[in-house]
Amino acid sequence: MVPEPFEAIGGFYRDFSEVSDEEVVAKPARFPSGARTAGS
């Protein structure tokens, strides 16, 4: 589903700040392989 008009994804988030490479690498480590998250 895409809202009309679609302008920018950042407008749909409260916090759309940049994250470090270390944060990106660390996130998958928080969830075991095969774990389901909300909406999965």
PDB file of N, CA and C in Angstrom:
ATOM      1  N   MET A   1       0.842  -1.161   0.000  1.00  0.00           N
ATOM      2  CA  MET A   1       0.000   0.000   0.000  1.00  0.00           C
ATOM      3  C   MET A   1       0.899   1.240   0.000  1.00  0.00           C
ATOM      4  N   VAL A   2       0.681   2.141  -0.896  1.00  0.00           N
ATOM      5  CA  VAL A   2       1.454   3.374  -1.004  1.00  0.00           C
ATOM      6  C   VAL A   2       0.507   4.555  -0.906  1.00  0.00           C
ATOM      7  N   PRO A   3       0.753   5.436   0.085  1.00  0.00           N
ATOM      8  CA  PRO A   3      -0.116   6.605   0.190  1.00  0.00           C
ATOM      9  C   PRO A   3       0.056   7.531  -1.007  1.00  0.00           C
ATOM     10  N   GLU A   4      -1.009   8.201  -1.395  1.00  0.00           N
ATOM     11  CA  GLU A   4      -0.963   9.148  -2.515  1.00  0.00           C
ATOM     12  C   GLU A   4      -1.054  10.561  -1.990  1.00  0.00           C
ATOM     13  N   PRO A   5      -0.278  11.488  -2.353  1.00  0.00           N
ATOM     14  CA  PRO A   5       0.958  11.303  -3.104  1.00  0.00           C
ATOM     15  C   PRO A   5       2.084  10.812  -2.193  1.00  0.00           C
ATOM     16  N   PHE A   6       2.952  10.003  -2.726  1.00  0.00           N
ATOM     17  CA  PHE A   6       4.096   9.493  -1.971  1.00  0.00           C
ATOM     18  C   PHE A   6       5.249  10.466  -2.132  1.00  0.00           C
ATOM     19  N   GLU A   7       5.650  11.096  -1.033  1.00  0.00           N
ATOM     20  CA  GLU A   7       6.696  12.111  -1.102  1.00  0.00           C
ATOM     21  C   GLU A   7       8.013  11.647  -0.493  1.00  0.00           C
ATOM     22  N   ALA A   8       8.004  11.207   0.754  1.00  0.00           N
ATOM     23  CA  ALA A   8       9.241  10.772   1.417  1.00  0.00           C
ATOM     24  C   ALA A   8       8.900   9.817   2.554  1.00  0.00           C
ATOM     25  N   ILE A   9       9.687   8.785   2.737  1.00  0.00           N
ATOM     26  CA  ILE A   9       9.443   7.793   3.781  1.00  0.00           C
ATOM     27  C   ILE A   9       9.643   8.381   5.170  1.00  0.00           C
ATOM     28  N   GLY A  10      10.564   9.344   5.318  1.00  0.00           N
ATOM     29  CA  GLY A  10      10.859   9.933   6.618  1.00  0.00           C
ATOM     30  C   GLY A  10       9.671  10.602   7.269  1.00  0.00           C
ATOM     31  N   GLY A  11       8.703  11.029   6.499  1.00  0.00           N
ATOM     32  CA  GLY A  11       7.519  11.673   7.048  1.00  0.00           C
ATOM     33  C   GLY A  11       6.619  10.730   7.819  1.00  0.00           C
ATOM     34  N   PHE A  12       6.825   9.435   7.721  1.00  0.00           N
ATOM     35  CA  PHE A  12       5.976   8.453   8.369  1.00  0.00           C
ATOM     36  C   PHE A  12       6.580   7.910   9.662  1.00  0.00           C
ATOM     37  N   TYR A  13       7.751   8.421  10.069  1.00  0.00           N
ATOM     38  CA  TYR A  13       8.437   7.956  11.262  1.00  0.00           C
ATOM     39  C   TYR A  13       8.700   9.116  12.206  1.00  0.00           C
ATOM     40  N   ARG A  14       8.602   8.855  13.510  1.00  0.00           N
ATOM     41  CA  ARG A  14       8.960   9.881  14.495  1.00  0.00           C
ATOM     42  C   ARG A  14      10.464  10.081  14.532  1.00  0.00           C
ATOM     43  N   ASP A  15      11.215   8.982  14.482  1.00  0.00           N
ATOM     44  CA  ASP A  15      12.672   9.055  14.557  1.00  0.00           C
ATOM     45  C   ASP A  15      13.245   8.334  13.347  1.00  0.00           C
ATOM     46  N   PHE A  16      13.714   9.088  12.398  1.00  0.00           N
ATOM     47  CA  PHE A  16      14.289   8.514  11.181  1.00  0.00           C
ATOM     48  C   PHE A  16      15.760   8.915  11.093  1.00  0.00           C
ATOM     49  N   SER A  17      16.418   8.896  12.263  1.00  0.00           N
ATOM     50  CA  SER A  17      17.813   9.319  12.334  1.00  0.00           C
ATOM     51  C   SER A  17      18.754   8.232  11.799  1.00  0.00           C
ATOM     52  N   GLU A  18      19.935   8.676  11.424  1.00  0.00           N
ATOM     53  CA  GLU A  18      20.951   7.773  10.902  1.00  0.00           C
ATOM     54  C   GLU A  18      21.465   6.874  12.020  1.00  0.00           C
ATOM     55  N   VAL A  19      21.819   5.642  11.684  1.00  0.00           N
ATOM     56  CA  VAL A  19      22.411   4.722  12.656  1.00  0.00           C
ATOM     57  C   VAL A  19      23.813   4.354  12.200  1.00  0.00           C
ATOM     58  N   SER A  20      24.638   3.965  13.161  1.00  0.00           N
ATOM     59  CA  SER A  20      26.021   3.601  12.845  1.00  0.00           C
ATOM     60  C   SER A  20      26.078   2.185  12.269  1.00  0.00           C
ATOM     61  N   ASP A  21      27.187   1.879  11.623  1.00  0.00           N
ATOM     62  CA  ASP A  21      27.398   0.527  11.104  1.00  0.00           C
ATOM     63  C   ASP A  21      27.346  -0.492  12.241  1.00  0.00           C
ATOM     64  N   GLU A  22      27.889  -0.117  13.405  1.00  0.00           N
ATOM     65  CA  GLU A  22      27.905  -1.024  14.556  1.00  0.00           C
ATOM     66  C   GLU A  22      26.487  -1.366  15.013  1.00  0.00           C
ATOM     67  N   GLU A  23      25.584  -0.373  14.992  1.00  0.00           N
ATOM     68  CA  GLU A  23      24.194  -0.624  15.371  1.00  0.00           C
ATOM     69  C   GLU A  23      23.514  -1.573  14.391  1.00  0.00           C
ATOM     70  N   VAL A  24      23.792  -1.398  13.106  1.00  0.00           N
ATOM     71  CA  VAL A  24      23.191  -2.257  12.076  1.00  0.00           C
ATOM     72  C   VAL A  24      23.658  -3.691  12.258  1.00  0.00           C
ATOM     73  N   VAL A  25      24.920  -3.885  12.557  1.00  0.00           N
ATOM     74  CA  VAL A  25      25.469  -5.225  12.747  1.00  0.00           C
ATOM     75  C   VAL A  25      24.929  -5.851  14.032  1.00  0.00           C
ATOM     76  N   ALA A  26      24.732  -5.055  15.075  1.00  0.00           N
ATOM     77  CA  ALA A  26      24.296  -5.573  16.374  1.00  0.00           C
ATOM     78  C   ALA A  26      22.834  -5.994  16.388  1.00  0.00           C
ATOM     79  N   LYS A  27      21.958  -5.356  15.611  1.00  0.00           N
ATOM     80  CA  LYS A  27      20.520  -5.657  15.664  1.00  0.00           C
ATOM     81  C   LYS A  27      20.185  -7.117  15.399  1.00  0.00           C
ATOM     82  N   PRO A  28      20.697  -7.743  14.337  1.00  0.00           N
ATOM     83  CA  PRO A  28      20.336  -9.155  14.117  1.00  0.00           C
ATOM     84  C   PRO A  28      20.778 -10.066  15.249  1.00  0.00           C
ATOM     85  N   ALA A  29      21.813  -9.693  15.982  1.00  0.00           N
ATOM     86  CA  ALA A  29      22.292 -10.516  17.087  1.00  0.00           C
ATOM     87  C   ALA A  29      21.274 -10.567  18.222  1.00  0.00           C
ATOM     88  N   ARG A  30      20.341  -9.622  18.272  1.00  0.00           N
ATOM     89  CA  ARG A  30      19.334  -9.589  19.322  1.00  0.00           C
ATOM     90  C   ARG A  30      18.250 -10.630  19.113  1.00  0.00           C
ATOM     91  N   PHE A  31      18.130 -11.162  17.919  1.00  0.00           N
ATOM     92  CA  PHE A  31      17.069 -12.119  17.612  1.00  0.00           C
ATOM     93  C   PHE A  31      17.666 -13.437  17.126  1.00  0.00           C
ATOM     94  N   PRO A  32      17.271 -14.546  17.738  1.00  0.00           N
ATOM     95  CA  PRO A  32      17.775 -15.837  17.273  1.00  0.00           C
ATOM     96  C   PRO A  32      17.344 -16.125  15.832  1.00  0.00           C
ATOM     97  N   SER A  33      18.110 -16.915  15.140  1.00  0.00           N
ATOM     98  CA  SER A  33      17.775 -17.278  13.773  1.00  0.00           C
ATOM     99  C   SER A  33      16.393 -17.930  13.721  1.00  0.00           C
ATOM    100  N   GLY A  34      15.575 -17.448  12.811  1.00  0.00           N
ATOM    101  CA  GLY A  34      14.249 -18.004  12.651  1.00  0.00           C
ATOM    102  C   GLY A  34      13.200 -17.388  13.561  1.00  0.00           C
ATOM    103  N   ALA A  35      13.625 -16.439  14.399  1.00  0.00           N
ATOM    104  CA  ALA A  35      12.654 -15.795  15.301  1.00  0.00           C
ATOM    105  C   ALA A  35      11.671 -14.968  14.495  1.00  0.00           C
ATOM    106  N   ARG A  36      10.440 -14.950  14.915  1.00  0.00           N
ATOM    107  CA  ARG A  36       9.410 -14.163  14.247  1.00  0.00           C
ATOM    108  C   ARG A  36       9.248 -12.846  14.984  1.00  0.00           C
ATOM    109  N   THR A  37       9.019 -11.793  14.241  1.00  0.00           N
ATOM    110  CA  THR A  37       8.769 -10.488  14.832  1.00  0.00           C
ATOM    111  C   THR A  37       7.331 -10.084  14.547  1.00  0.00           C
ATOM    112  N   ALA A  38       6.890  -9.017  15.166  1.00  0.00           N
ATOM    113  CA  ALA A  38       5.523  -8.530  14.946  1.00  0.00           C
ATOM    114  C   ALA A  38       5.287  -8.317  13.466  1.00  0.00           C
ATOM    115  N   GLY A  39       4.190  -8.793  12.981  1.00  0.00           N
ATOM    116  CA  GLY A  39       3.848  -8.642  11.571  1.00  0.00           C
ATOM    117  C   GLY A  39       4.401  -9.733  10.679  1.00  0.00           C
ATOM    118  N   SER A  40       5.137 -10.694  11.272  1.00  0.00           N
ATOM    119  CA  SER A  40       5.708 -11.780  10.462  1.00  0.00           C
ATOM    120  C   SER A  40       4.741 -12.932  10.356  1.00  0.00           C
TER     121      SER A  40
END
